Amino acid sequence: MGLNEFAGYGAVALAALASGYLASTFGLRPVPFYLGIAFAMAGLILSLTLVRDTTEHAILETRAHQSTENNGSSFAQVFAETSFRNPTLFSGSQAGLVNNLNDGMTWGLFPLLLSSYGLSVSRIVSGIVADAFG
C-alpha cells in the first residue's frame, strides 16, 4: 500500500512539474491542457487494450466465501452500511473523502490563490514541486 501511495503522489508531482513547465514555457492556455488530454487518452487506450475484466475472479471469490451476511447486497444496502450503520466503515470512508478533498484543494486552489497574489507560474510550480518532494 505504501508503494501504491508513493507511485500515485509521485505521478501527480511529475504531472504538476510537466504541466508547470509547459505553462511557464507556452503560457497557461491551451498547451498545459494537452497533457491532461494525453493522460485521458492513454488511460482509455490502456483500459481498452491491457486491463482485463475481473468479474470472474469476483464471482469465484464470492463462491469461496459464501455467507448469508451481505450476500447479494444492493448498492443501496452497501451505501447504507458504509454510510450509516457501521461507524468503522463510515469513518474510513470519511477519512478517504477528506484526504482526497484536501489534496484537490491544495493542488487546485493554492495555485489560483498564489496567482492572485501576483506570483509567476514558474514560482508557483517550483513551490508545489518542492512541497510534493520535500
Foldseek 3Di string as FASTA:
>chain_A
DVVVVVVVLVVVLVLLLVLLVCCQVPNDPDVSVVSVVVVVVVVVVCCVPPDDDCPVVVVVVCVVVPDPPPVPDDPVRVCCVQCPVPVVSVVVVVVVVVVVVVVCCVVPVVVVVVVVVPDDSNVSSVVVSVVSVD
